[in-house]
Amino acid sequence: MDNGGGGLFIVVLVVGGWFAFGDPPRTVAGWWWPESSAPWETVDAFFYPDRNNLYLVQEQDGLKSLQACREWVSAAAYANNDPTMSRSDYECGLGTSKPYGTLKVYRNTVR
């Protein structure tokens, strides 16, 4: 019986298509680290001093982890005289952002 390696060819074709047209690191990060940053990802922090006006924002890009994002946001809240974050809000963007018009779209945004 000679199957000619057709199954292997299809697997290689599918994986090659995934690498050519997809984003394997982003996909794998979504599978294994859905609510935190993968070891190879950076995190961008967004702090809103006034939760009712999201046009006012302080940003810090390239943080090493979700915990580093939360620590930076906590320091920003303290510097804005709102250590309990009763008037402010924040979010952490996981992974590299992809532009969508004037927006930044992340793999996930978490608090």
PDB file of N, CA and C in Angstrom:
ATOM      1  N   MET A   1       0.846  -1.187   0.000  1.00  0.00           N
ATOM      2  CA  MET A   1       0.000   0.000   0.000  1.00  0.00           C
ATOM      3  C   MET A   1       0.884   1.242   0.000  1.00  0.00           C
ATOM      4  N   ASP A   2       0.663   2.074  -0.956  1.00  0.00           N
ATOM      5  CA  ASP A   2       1.428   3.310  -1.071  1.00  0.00           C
ATOM      6  C   ASP A   2       0.447   4.469  -1.059  1.00  0.00           C
ATOM      7  N   ASN A   3       0.431   5.227   0.041  1.00  0.00           N
ATOM      8  CA  ASN A   3      -0.505   6.352   0.105  1.00  0.00           C
ATOM      9  C   ASN A   3       0.092   7.612  -0.497  1.00  0.00           C
ATOM     10  N   GLY A   4       1.360   7.604  -0.842  1.00  0.00           N
ATOM     11  CA  GLY A   4       1.974   8.723  -1.550  1.00  0.00           C
ATOM     12  C   GLY A   4       2.233   9.948  -0.691  1.00  0.00           C
ATOM     13  N   GLY A   5       1.990   9.904   0.594  1.00  0.00           N
ATOM     14  CA  GLY A   5       2.253  11.060   1.455  1.00  0.00           C
ATOM     15  C   GLY A   5       1.267  12.192   1.274  1.00  0.00           C
ATOM     16  N   GLY A   6       0.092  11.908   0.734  1.00  0.00           N
ATOM     17  CA  GLY A   6      -0.913  12.955   0.506  1.00  0.00           C
ATOM     18  C   GLY A   6      -1.385  13.615   1.787  1.00  0.00           C
ATOM     19  N   GLY A   7      -1.517  12.834   2.851  1.00  0.00           N
ATOM     20  CA  GLY A   7      -1.957  13.399   4.125  1.00  0.00           C
ATOM     21  C   GLY A   7      -0.944  14.371   4.694  1.00  0.00           C
ATOM     22  N   LEU A   8       0.330  14.006   4.585  1.00  0.00           N
ATOM     23  CA  LEU A   8       1.396  14.885   5.065  1.00  0.00           C
ATOM     24  C   LEU A   8       1.431  16.177   4.257  1.00  0.00           C
ATOM     25  N   PHE A   9       1.224  16.068   2.958  1.00  0.00           N
ATOM     26  CA  PHE A   9       1.206  17.252   2.095  1.00  0.00           C
ATOM     27  C   PHE A   9       0.095  18.212   2.520  1.00  0.00           C
ATOM     28  N   ILE A  10      -1.068  17.678   2.833  1.00  0.00           N
ATOM     29  CA  ILE A  10      -2.198  18.520   3.249  1.00  0.00           C
ATOM     30  C   ILE A  10      -1.893  19.201   4.579  1.00  0.00           C
ATOM     31  N   VAL A  11      -1.307  18.466   5.514  1.00  0.00           N
ATOM     32  CA  VAL A  11      -0.949  19.056   6.810  1.00  0.00           C
ATOM     33  C   VAL A  11       0.063  20.179   6.617  1.00  0.00           C
ATOM     34  N   VAL A  12       1.088  19.946   5.805  1.00  0.00           N
ATOM     35  CA  VAL A  12       2.099  20.971   5.538  1.00  0.00           C
ATOM     36  C   VAL A  12       1.462  22.172   4.858  1.00  0.00           C
ATOM     37  N   LEU A  13       0.547  21.947   3.948  1.00  0.00           N
ATOM     38  CA  LEU A  13      -0.143  23.030   3.250  1.00  0.00           C
ATOM     39  C   LEU A  13      -0.979  23.867   4.224  1.00  0.00           C
ATOM     40  N   VAL A  14      -1.704  23.221   5.121  1.00  0.00           N
ATOM     41  CA  VAL A  14      -2.539  23.933   6.090  1.00  0.00           C
ATOM     42  C   VAL A  14      -1.667  24.742   7.058  1.00  0.00           C
ATOM     43  N   VAL A  15      -0.621  24.127   7.587  1.00  0.00           N
ATOM     44  CA  VAL A  15       0.266  24.837   8.516  1.00  0.00           C
ATOM     45  C   VAL A  15       0.974  25.986   7.801  1.00  0.00           C
ATOM     46  N   GLY A  16       1.405  25.767   6.576  1.00  0.00           N
ATOM     47  CA  GLY A  16       2.030  26.837   5.795  1.00  0.00           C
ATOM     48  C   GLY A  16       1.073  27.989   5.557  1.00  0.00           C
ATOM     49  N   GLY A  17      -0.190  27.674   5.260  1.00  0.00           N
ATOM     50  CA  GLY A  17      -1.202  28.720   5.086  1.00  0.00           C
ATOM     51  C   GLY A  17      -1.436  29.502   6.364  1.00  0.00           C
ATOM     52  N   TRP A  18      -1.429  28.784   7.494  1.00  0.00           N
ATOM     53  CA  TRP A  18      -1.600  29.453   8.788  1.00  0.00           C
ATOM     54  C   TRP A  18      -0.463  30.441   9.035  1.00  0.00           C
ATOM     55  N   PHE A  19       0.766  30.025   8.734  1.00  0.00           N
ATOM     56  CA  PHE A  19       1.909  30.928   8.918  1.00  0.00           C
ATOM     57  C   PHE A  19       1.898  32.070   7.913  1.00  0.00           C
ATOM     58  N   ALA A  20       1.461  31.803   6.680  1.00  0.00           N
ATOM     59  CA  ALA A  20       1.475  32.840   5.642  1.00  0.00           C
ATOM     60  C   ALA A  20       0.368  33.868   5.833  1.00  0.00           C
ATOM     61  N   PHE A  21      -0.825  33.414   6.202  1.00  0.00           N
ATOM     62  CA  PHE A  21      -1.981  34.310   6.245  1.00  0.00           C
ATOM     63  C   PHE A  21      -2.514  34.573   7.648  1.00  0.00           C
ATOM     64  N   GLY A  22      -2.071  33.814   8.617  1.00  0.00           N
ATOM     65  CA  GLY A  22      -2.551  33.988   9.984  1.00  0.00           C
ATOM     66  C   GLY A  22      -1.515  34.665  10.854  1.00  0.00           C
ATOM     67  N   ASP A  23      -1.695  34.513  12.137  1.00  0.00           N
ATOM     68  CA  ASP A  23      -0.769  35.076  13.113  1.00  0.00           C
ATOM     69  C   ASP A  23      -0.574  34.031  14.213  1.00  0.00           C
ATOM     70  N   PRO A  24       0.275  33.015  13.957  1.00  0.00           N
ATOM     71  CA  PRO A  24       0.422  31.916  14.920  1.00  0.00           C
ATOM     72  C   PRO A  24       0.756  32.344  16.345  1.00  0.00           C
ATOM     73  N   PRO A  25       1.699  33.275  16.575  1.00  0.00           N
ATOM     74  CA  PRO A  25       1.965  33.648  17.976  1.00  0.00           C
ATOM     75  C   PRO A  25       0.738  34.230  18.673  1.00  0.00           C
ATOM     76  N   ARG A  26      -0.028  35.035  17.954  1.00  0.00           N
ATOM     77  CA  ARG A  26      -1.239  35.628  18.529  1.00  0.00           C
ATOM     78  C   ARG A  26      -2.288  34.552  18.814  1.00  0.00           C
ATOM     79  N   THR A  27      -2.433  33.609  17.892  1.00  0.00           N
ATOM     80  CA  THR A  27      -3.404  32.530  18.069  1.00  0.00           C
ATOM     81  C   THR A  27      -3.035  31.650  19.256  1.00  0.00           C
ATOM     82  N   VAL A  28      -1.772  31.257  19.336  1.00  0.00           N
ATOM     83  CA  VAL A  28      -1.323  30.411  20.449  1.00  0.00           C
ATOM     84  C   VAL A  28      -1.470  31.151  21.776  1.00  0.00           C
ATOM     85  N   ALA A  29      -1.145  32.439  21.796  1.00  0.00           N
ATOM     86  CA  ALA A  29      -1.316  33.230  23.023  1.00  0.00           C
ATOM     87  C   ALA A  29      -2.781  33.251  23.442  1.00  0.00           C
ATOM     88  N   GLY A  30      -3.689  33.359  22.485  1.00  0.00           N
ATOM     89  CA  GLY A  30      -5.113  33.347  22.791  1.00  0.00           C
ATOM     90  C   GLY A  30      -5.584  32.016  23.349  1.00  0.00           C
ATOM     91  N   TRP A  31      -4.987  30.929  22.891  1.00  0.00           N
ATOM     92  CA  TRP A  31      -5.350  29.601  23.394  1.00  0.00           C
ATOM     93  C   TRP A  31      -4.862  29.382  24.817  1.00  0.00           C
ATOM     94  N   TRP A  32      -3.593  29.692  25.080  1.00  0.00           N
ATOM     95  CA  TRP A  32      -2.966  29.332  26.345  1.00  0.00           C
ATOM     96  C   TRP A  32      -2.983  30.431  27.389  1.00  0.00           C
ATOM     97  N   TRP A  33      -3.056  31.697  26.964  1.00  0.00           N
ATOM     98  CA  TRP A  33      -3.053  32.824  27.897  1.00  0.00           C
ATOM     99  C   TRP A  33      -4.181  33.786  27.531  1.00  0.00           C
ATOM    100  N   PRO A  34      -5.442  33.360  27.624  1.00  0.00           N
ATOM    101  CA  PRO A  34      -6.535  34.227  27.169  1.00  0.00           C
ATOM    102  C   PRO A  34      -6.720  35.499  28.000  1.00  0.00           C
ATOM    103  N   GLU A  35      -6.413  35.467  29.281  1.00  0.00           N
ATOM    104  CA  GLU A  35      -6.638  36.621  30.156  1.00  0.00           C
ATOM    105  C   GLU A  35      -5.353  37.215  30.718  1.00  0.00           C
ATOM    106  N   SER A  36      -4.213  36.806  30.197  1.00  0.00           N
ATOM    107  CA  SER A  36      -2.934  37.371  30.634  1.00  0.00           C
ATOM    108  C   SER A  36      -2.001  37.431  29.436  1.00  0.00           C
ATOM    109  N   SER A  37      -0.834  38.008  29.634  1.00  0.00           N
ATOM    110  CA  SER A  37       0.105  38.130  28.523  1.00  0.00           C
ATOM    111  C   SER A  37       0.933  36.857  28.388  1.00  0.00           C
ATOM    112  N   ALA A  38       1.172  36.466  27.147  1.00  0.00           N
ATOM    113  CA  ALA A  38       2.065  35.340  26.877  1.00  0.00           C
ATOM    114  C   ALA A  38       3.498  35.786  27.172  1.00  0.00           C
ATOM    115  N   PRO A  39       4.401  34.851  27.411  1.00  0.00           N
ATOM    116  CA  PRO A  39       5.780  35.236  27.756  1.00  0.00           C
ATOM    117  C   PRO A  39       6.472  36.120  26.715  1.00  0.00           C
ATOM    118  N   TRP A  40       6.101  36.014  25.462  1.00  0.00           N
ATOM    119  CA  TRP A  40       6.750  36.801  24.407  1.00  0.00           C
ATOM    120  C   TRP A  40       6.019  38.113  24.105  1.00  0.00           C
ATOM    121  N   GLU A  41       4.905  38.366  24.749  1.00  0.00           N
ATOM    122  CA  GLU A  41       4.115  39.562  24.464  1.00  0.00           C
ATOM    123  C   GLU A  41       4.464  40.717  25.400  1.00  0.00           C
ATOM    124  N   THR A  42       4.205  41.916  24.914  1.00  0.00           N
ATOM    125  CA  THR A  42       4.264  43.097  25.769  1.00  0.00           C
ATOM    126  C   THR A  42       2.836  43.544  26.062  1.00  0.00           C
ATOM    127  N   VAL A  43       2.711  44.433  27.023  1.00  0.00           N
ATOM    128  CA  VAL A  43       1.403  44.926  27.448  1.00  0.00           C
ATOM    129  C   VAL A  43       1.437  46.451  27.410  1.00  0.00           C
ATOM    130  N   ASP A  44       0.380  47.051  26.877  1.00  0.00           N
ATOM    131  CA  ASP A  44       0.249  48.504  26.857  1.00  0.00           C
ATOM    132  C   ASP A  44      -0.795  48.918  27.886  1.00  0.00           C
ATOM    133  N   ALA A  45      -0.466  49.926  28.687  1.00  0.00           N
ATOM    134  CA  ALA A  45      -1.358  50.408  29.746  1.00  0.00           C
ATOM    135  C   ALA A  45      -2.051  51.689  29.303  1.00  0.00           C
ATOM    136  N   PHE A  46      -3.332  51.785  29.638  1.00  0.00           N
ATOM    137  CA  PHE A  46      -4.131  52.978  29.358  1.00  0.00           C
ATOM    138  C   PHE A  46      -4.832  53.379  30.644  1.00  0.00           C
ATOM    139  N   PHE A  47      -4.525  54.565  31.129  1.00  0.00           N
ATOM    140  CA  PHE A  47      -5.115  55.084  32.362  1.00  0.00           C
ATOM    141  C   PHE A  47      -5.980  56.284  32.012  1.00  0.00           C
ATOM    142  N   TYR A  48      -7.232  56.247  32.443  1.00  0.00           N
ATOM    143  CA  TYR A  48      -8.192  57.323  32.194  1.00  0.00           C
ATOM    144  C   TYR A  48      -8.456  58.042  33.518  1.00  0.00           C
ATOM    145  N   PRO A  49      -7.895  59.242  33.718  1.00  0.00           N
ATOM    146  CA  PRO A  49      -8.077  59.947  34.994  1.00  0.00           C
ATOM    147  C   PRO A  49      -9.539  60.249  35.310  1.00  0.00           C
ATOM    148  N   ASP A  50     -10.359  60.422  34.280  1.00  0.00           N
ATOM    149  CA  ASP A  50     -11.792  60.684  34.455  1.00  0.00           C
ATOM    150  C   ASP A  50     -12.555  59.610  33.691  1.00  0.00           C
ATOM    151  N   ARG A  51     -13.159  58.677  34.413  1.00  0.00           N
ATOM    152  CA  ARG A  51     -13.847  57.567  33.754  1.00  0.00           C
ATOM    153  C   ARG A  51     -15.022  58.014  32.884  1.00  0.00           C
ATOM    154  N   ASN A  52     -15.469  59.261  33.046  1.00  0.00           N
ATOM    155  CA  ASN A  52     -16.562  59.782  32.227  1.00  0.00           C
ATOM    156  C   ASN A  52     -16.069  60.515  30.984  1.00  0.00           C
ATOM    157  N   ASN A  53     -14.759  60.640  30.834  1.00  0.00           N
ATOM    158  CA  ASN A  53     -14.181  61.302  29.665  1.00  0.00           C
ATOM    159  C   ASN A  53     -12.988  60.476  29.186  1.00  0.00           C
ATOM    160  N   LEU A  54     -13.249  59.533  28.297  1.00  0.00           N
ATOM    161  CA  LEU A  54     -12.197  58.626  27.844  1.00  0.00           C
ATOM    162  C   LEU A  54     -11.265  59.256  26.813  1.00  0.00           C
ATOM    163  N   TYR A  55     -11.508  60.526  26.468  1.00  0.00           N
ATOM    164  CA  TYR A  55     -10.573  61.233  25.590  1.00  0.00           C
ATOM    165  C   TYR A  55      -9.312  61.633  26.348  1.00  0.00           C
ATOM    166  N   LEU A  56      -9.424  61.759  27.667  1.00  0.00           N
ATOM    167  CA  LEU A  56      -8.253  62.036  28.503  1.00  0.00           C
ATOM    168  C   LEU A  56      -7.620  60.702  28.868  1.00  0.00           C
ATOM    169  N   VAL A  57      -6.427  60.468  28.359  1.00  0.00           N
ATOM    170  CA  VAL A  57      -5.783  59.170  28.588  1.00  0.00           C
ATOM    171  C   VAL A  57      -4.277  59.354  28.748  1.00  0.00           C
ATOM    172  N   GLN A  58      -3.720  58.555  29.644  1.00  0.00           N
ATOM    173  CA  GLN A  58      -2.270  58.456  29.799  1.00  0.00           C
ATOM    174  C   GLN A  58      -1.883  57.044  29.381  1.00  0.00           C
ATOM    175  N   GLU A  59      -0.862  56.923  28.549  1.00  0.00           N
ATOM    176  CA  GLU A  59      -0.471  55.617  28.017  1.00  0.00           C
ATOM    177  C   GLU A  59       0.963  55.273  28.383  1.00  0.00           C
ATOM    178  N   GLN A  60       1.194  53.984  28.550  1.00  0.00           N
ATOM    179  CA  GLN A  60       2.552  53.465  28.709  1.00  0.00           C
ATOM    180  C   GLN A  60       2.636  52.188  27.877  1.00  0.00           C
ATOM    181  N   ASP A  61       3.487  52.198  26.872  1.00  0.00           N
ATOM    182  CA  ASP A  61       3.620  51.052  25.972  1.00  0.00           C
ATOM    183  C   ASP A  61       4.795  50.169  26.369  1.00  0.00           C
ATOM    184  N   GLY A  62       4.703  48.899  25.974  1.00  0.00           N
ATOM    185  CA  GLY A  62       5.832  47.985  26.084  1.00  0.00           C
ATOM    186  C   GLY A  62       6.144  47.444  27.460  1.00  0.00           C
ATOM    187  N   LEU A  63       5.145  47.360  28.329  1.00  0.00           N
ATOM    188  CA  LEU A  63       5.376  46.779  29.656  1.00  0.00           C
ATOM    189  C   LEU A  63       5.569  45.266  29.529  1.00  0.00           C
ATOM    190  N   LYS A  64       6.287  44.688  30.470  1.00  0.00           N
ATOM    191  CA  LYS A  64       6.679  43.279  30.372  1.00  0.00           C
ATOM    192  C   LYS A  64       5.579  42.280  30.723  1.00  0.00           C
ATOM    193  N   SER A  65       4.575  42.713  31.501  1.00  0.00           N
ATOM    194  CA  SER A  65       3.557  41.760  31.948  1.00  0.00           C
ATOM    195  C   SER A  65       2.278  42.498  32.332  1.00  0.00           C
ATOM    196  N   LEU A  66       1.227  41.725  32.541  1.00  0.00           N
ATOM    197  CA  LEU A  66      -0.036  42.287  33.004  1.00  0.00           C
ATOM    198  C   LEU A  66       0.137  42.894  34.397  1.00  0.00           C
ATOM    199  N   GLN A  67       0.917  42.244  35.245  1.00  0.00           N
ATOM    200  CA  GLN A  67       1.165  42.782  36.584  1.00  0.00           C
ATOM    201  C   GLN A  67       1.898  44.119  36.509  1.00  0.00           C
ATOM    202  N   ALA A  68       2.840  44.248  35.584  1.00  0.00           N
ATOM    203  CA  ALA A  68       3.552  45.524  35.411  1.00  0.00           C
ATOM    204  C   ALA A  68       2.591  46.612  34.954  1.00  0.00           C
ATOM    205  N   CYS A  69       1.619  46.259  34.128  1.00  0.00           N
ATOM    206  CA  CYS A  69       0.596  47.212  33.695  1.00  0.00           C
ATOM    207  C   CYS A  69      -0.216  47.685  34.895  1.00  0.00           C
ATOM    208  N   ARG A  70      -0.652  46.756  35.711  1.00  0.00           N
ATOM    209  CA  ARG A  70      -1.457  47.116  36.883  1.00  0.00           C
ATOM    210  C   ARG A  70      -0.666  47.980  37.864  1.00  0.00           C
ATOM    211  N   GLU A  71       0.613  47.691  38.010  1.00  0.00           N
ATOM    212  CA  GLU A  71       1.449  48.500  38.904  1.00  0.00           C
ATOM    213  C   GLU A  71       1.631  49.911  38.351  1.00  0.00           C
ATOM    214  N   TRP A  72       1.827  50.035  37.038  1.00  0.00           N
ATOM    215  CA  TRP A  72       1.976  51.356  36.433  1.00  0.00           C
ATOM    216  C   TRP A  72       0.684  52.156  36.587  1.00  0.00           C
ATOM    217  N   VAL A  73      -0.452  51.503  36.358  1.00  0.00           N
ATOM    218  CA  VAL A  73      -1.747  52.170  36.497  1.00  0.00           C
ATOM    219  C   VAL A  73      -1.970  52.603  37.941  1.00  0.00           C
ATOM    220  N   SER A  74      -1.607  51.766  38.886  1.00  0.00           N
ATOM    221  CA  SER A  74      -1.761  52.119  40.297  1.00  0.00           C
ATOM    222  C   SER A  74      -0.940  53.359  40.639  1.00  0.00           C
ATOM    223  N   ALA A  75       0.276  53.432  40.120  1.00  0.00           N
ATOM    224  CA  ALA A  75       1.115  54.613  40.353  1.00  0.00           C
ATOM    225  C   ALA A  75       0.518  55.847  39.687  1.00  0.00           C
ATOM    226  N   ALA A  76      -0.042  55.682  38.486  1.00  0.00           N
ATOM    227  CA  ALA A  76      -0.670  56.812  37.791  1.00  0.00           C
ATOM    228  C   ALA A  76      -1.895  57.296  38.559  1.00  0.00           C
ATOM    229  N   ALA A  77      -2.683  56.376  39.099  1.00  0.00           N
ATOM    230  CA  ALA A  77      -3.855  56.758  39.886  1.00  0.00           C
ATOM    231  C   ALA A  77      -3.426  57.504  41.148  1.00  0.00           C
ATOM    232  N   TYR A  78      -2.393  57.028  41.798  1.00  0.00           N
ATOM    233  CA  TYR A  78      -1.877  57.690  42.997  1.00  0.00           C
ATOM    234  C   TYR A  78      -1.384  59.094  42.661  1.00  0.00           C
ATOM    235  N   ALA A  79      -0.693  59.235  41.532  1.00  0.00           N
ATOM    236  CA  ALA A  79      -0.182  60.547  41.113  1.00  0.00           C
ATOM    237  C   ALA A  79      -1.312  61.512  40.769  1.00  0.00           C
ATOM    238  N   ASN A  80      -2.485  60.978  40.407  1.00  0.00           N
ATOM    239  CA  ASN A  80      -3.649  61.799  40.085  1.00  0.00           C
ATOM    240  C   ASN A  80      -4.594  61.940  41.275  1.00  0.00           C
ATOM    241  N   ASN A  81      -4.091  61.690  42.484  1.00  0.00           N
ATOM    242  CA  ASN A  81      -4.872  61.821  43.722  1.00  0.00           C
ATOM    243  C   ASN A  81      -6.148  60.979  43.716  1.00  0.00           C
ATOM    244  N   ASP A  82      -6.071  59.797  43.133  1.00  0.00           N
ATOM    245  CA  ASP A  82      -7.204  58.876  43.109  1.00  0.00           C
ATOM    246  C   ASP A  82      -6.698  57.442  43.329  1.00  0.00           C
ATOM    247  N   PRO A  83      -6.046  57.172  44.473  1.00  0.00           N
ATOM    248  CA  PRO A  83      -5.443  55.854  44.675  1.00  0.00           C
ATOM    249  C   PRO A  83      -6.448  54.705  44.711  1.00  0.00           C
ATOM    250  N   THR A  84      -7.704  54.988  45.054  1.00  0.00           N
ATOM    251  CA  THR A  84      -8.719  53.930  45.068  1.00  0.00           C
ATOM    252  C   THR A  84      -9.418  53.795  43.721  1.00  0.00           C
ATOM    253  N   MET A  85      -9.060  54.639  42.776  1.00  0.00           N
ATOM    254  CA  MET A  85      -9.629  54.643  41.422  1.00  0.00           C
ATOM    255  C   MET A  85     -11.149  54.791  41.441  1.00  0.00           C
ATOM    256  N   SER A  86     -11.644  55.651  42.310  1.00  0.00           N
ATOM    257  CA  SER A  86     -13.084  55.896  42.374  1.00  0.00           C
ATOM    258  C   SER A  86     -13.552  56.809  41.240  1.00  0.00           C
ATOM    259  N   ARG A  87     -12.654  57.619  40.698  1.00  0.00           N
ATOM    260  CA  ARG A  87     -13.009  58.522  39.594  1.00  0.00           C
ATOM    261  C   ARG A  87     -12.362  58.122  38.271  1.00  0.00           C
ATOM    262  N   SER A  88     -11.405  57.207  38.329  1.00  0.00           N
ATOM    263  CA  SER A  88     -10.628  56.869  37.140  1.00  0.00           C
ATOM    264  C   SER A  88     -10.903  55.437  36.691  1.00  0.00           C
ATOM    265  N   ASP A  89     -10.298  55.067  35.573  1.00  0.00           N
ATOM    266  CA  ASP A  89     -10.446  53.719  35.030  1.00  0.00           C
ATOM    267  C   ASP A  89      -9.177  53.379  34.256  1.00  0.00           C
ATOM    268  N   TYR A  90      -9.040  52.126  33.885  1.00  0.00           N
ATOM    269  CA  TYR A  90      -7.861  51.710  33.120  1.00  0.00           C
ATOM    270  C   TYR A  90      -8.161  50.450  32.336  1.00  0.00           C
ATOM    271  N   GLU A  91      -7.259  50.140  31.413  1.00  0.00           N
ATOM    272  CA  GLU A  91      -7.272  48.865  30.722  1.00  0.00           C
ATOM    273  C   GLU A  91      -5.854  48.548  30.271  1.00  0.00           C
ATOM    274  N   CYS A  92      -5.595  47.262  30.104  1.00  0.00           N
ATOM    275  CA  CYS A  92      -4.290  46.795  29.659  1.00  0.00           C
ATOM    276  C   CYS A  92      -4.483  46.042  28.347  1.00  0.00           C
ATOM    277  N   GLY A  93      -3.791  46.467  27.308  1.00  0.00           N
ATOM    278  CA  GLY A  93      -3.871  45.816  26.003  1.00  0.00           C
ATOM    279  C   GLY A  93      -2.797  44.754  25.885  1.00  0.00           C
ATOM    280  N   LEU A  94      -3.224  43.516  25.631  1.00  0.00           N
ATOM    281  CA  LEU A  94      -2.294  42.387  25.558  1.00  0.00           C
ATOM    282  C   LEU A  94      -1.806  42.176  24.132  1.00  0.00           C
ATOM    283  N   GLY A  95      -0.512  42.020  23.965  1.00  0.00           N
ATOM    284  CA  GLY A  95       0.070  41.739  22.657  1.00  0.00           C
ATOM    285  C   GLY A  95       0.302  42.998  21.843  1.00  0.00           C
ATOM    286  N   THR A  96       0.689  42.790  20.606  1.00  0.00           N
ATOM    287  CA  THR A  96       0.949  43.896  19.692  1.00  0.00           C
ATOM    288  C   THR A  96      -0.366  44.396  19.124  1.00  0.00           C
ATOM    289  N   SER A  97      -0.537  45.703  19.115  1.00  0.00           N
ATOM    290  CA  SER A  97      -1.784  46.262  18.582  1.00  0.00           C
ATOM    291  C   SER A  97      -1.761  46.238  17.064  1.00  0.00           C
ATOM    292  N   LYS A  98      -2.951  46.106  16.498  1.00  0.00           N
ATOM    293  CA  LYS A  98      -3.119  46.194  15.050  1.00  0.00           C
ATOM    294  C   LYS A  98      -3.972  47.424  14.777  1.00  0.00           C
ATOM    295  N   PRO A  99      -3.536  48.271  13.862  1.00  0.00           N
ATOM    296  CA  PRO A  99      -4.316  49.486  13.589  1.00  0.00           C
ATOM    297  C   PRO A  99      -5.628  49.157  12.890  1.00  0.00           C
ATOM    298  N   TYR A 100      -6.668  49.837  13.298  1.00  0.00           N
ATOM    299  CA  TYR A 100      -7.984  49.726  12.675  1.00  0.00           C
ATOM    300  C   TYR A 100      -8.526  51.145  12.605  1.00  0.00           C
ATOM    301  N   GLY A 101      -8.161  51.841  11.540  1.00  0.00           N
ATOM    302  CA  GLY A 101      -8.483  53.258  11.461  1.00  0.00           C
ATOM    303  C   GLY A 101      -7.651  54.002  12.484  1.00  0.00           C
ATOM    304  N   THR A 102      -8.319  54.762  13.335  1.00  0.00           N
ATOM    305  CA  THR A 102      -7.608  55.489  14.395  1.00  0.00           C
ATOM    306  C   THR A 102      -7.546  54.692  15.695  1.00  0.00           C
ATOM    307  N   LEU A 103      -8.091  53.493  15.699  1.00  0.00           N
ATOM    308  CA  LEU A 103      -8.106  52.656  16.897  1.00  0.00           C
ATOM    309  C   LEU A 103      -6.927  51.701  16.926  1.00  0.00           C
ATOM    310  N   LYS A 104      -6.598  51.226  18.114  1.00  0.00           N
ATOM    311  CA  LYS A 104      -5.630  50.152  18.299  1.00  0.00           C
ATOM    312  C   LYS A 104      -6.413  48.924  18.752  1.00  0.00           C
ATOM    313  N   VAL A 105      -6.266  47.824  18.033  1.00  0.00           N
ATOM    314  CA  VAL A 105      -6.971  46.595  18.380  1.00  0.00           C
ATOM    315  C   VAL A 105      -5.950  45.595  18.915  1.00  0.00           C
ATOM    316  N   TYR A 106      -6.178  45.135  20.128  1.00  0.00           N
ATOM    317  CA  TYR A 106      -5.278  44.194  20.788  1.00  0.00           C
ATOM    318  C   TYR A 106      -5.869  42.795  20.755  1.00  0.00           C
ATOM    319  N   ARG A 107      -5.024  41.809  21.050  1.00  0.00           N
ATOM    320  CA  ARG A 107      -5.506  40.434  21.157  1.00  0.00           C
ATOM    321  C   ARG A 107      -6.600  40.353  22.214  1.00  0.00           C
ATOM    322  N   ASN A 108      -6.400  41.063  23.299  1.00  0.00           N
ATOM    323  CA  ASN A 108      -7.401  41.138  24.361  1.00  0.00           C
ATOM    324  C   ASN A 108      -7.089  42.371  25.207  1.00  0.00           C
ATOM    325  N   THR A 109      -8.108  42.946  25.795  1.00  0.00           N
ATOM    326  CA  THR A 109      -7.906  44.016  26.768  1.00  0.00           C
ATOM    327  C   THR A 109      -8.515  43.559  28.082  1.00  0.00           C
ATOM    328  N   VAL A 110      -7.745  43.712  29.140  1.00  0.00           N
ATOM    329  CA  VAL A 110      -8.188  43.259  30.461  1.00  0.00           C
ATOM    330  C   VAL A 110      -7.892  44.341  31.484  1.00  0.00           C
ATOM    331  N   ARG A 111      -8.467  44.163  32.662  1.00  0.00           N
ATOM    332  CA  ARG A 111      -8.208  45.086  33.782  1.00  0.00           C
ATOM    333  C   ARG A 111      -7.261  44.435  34.746  1.00  0.00           C
TER     334      ARG A 111
END
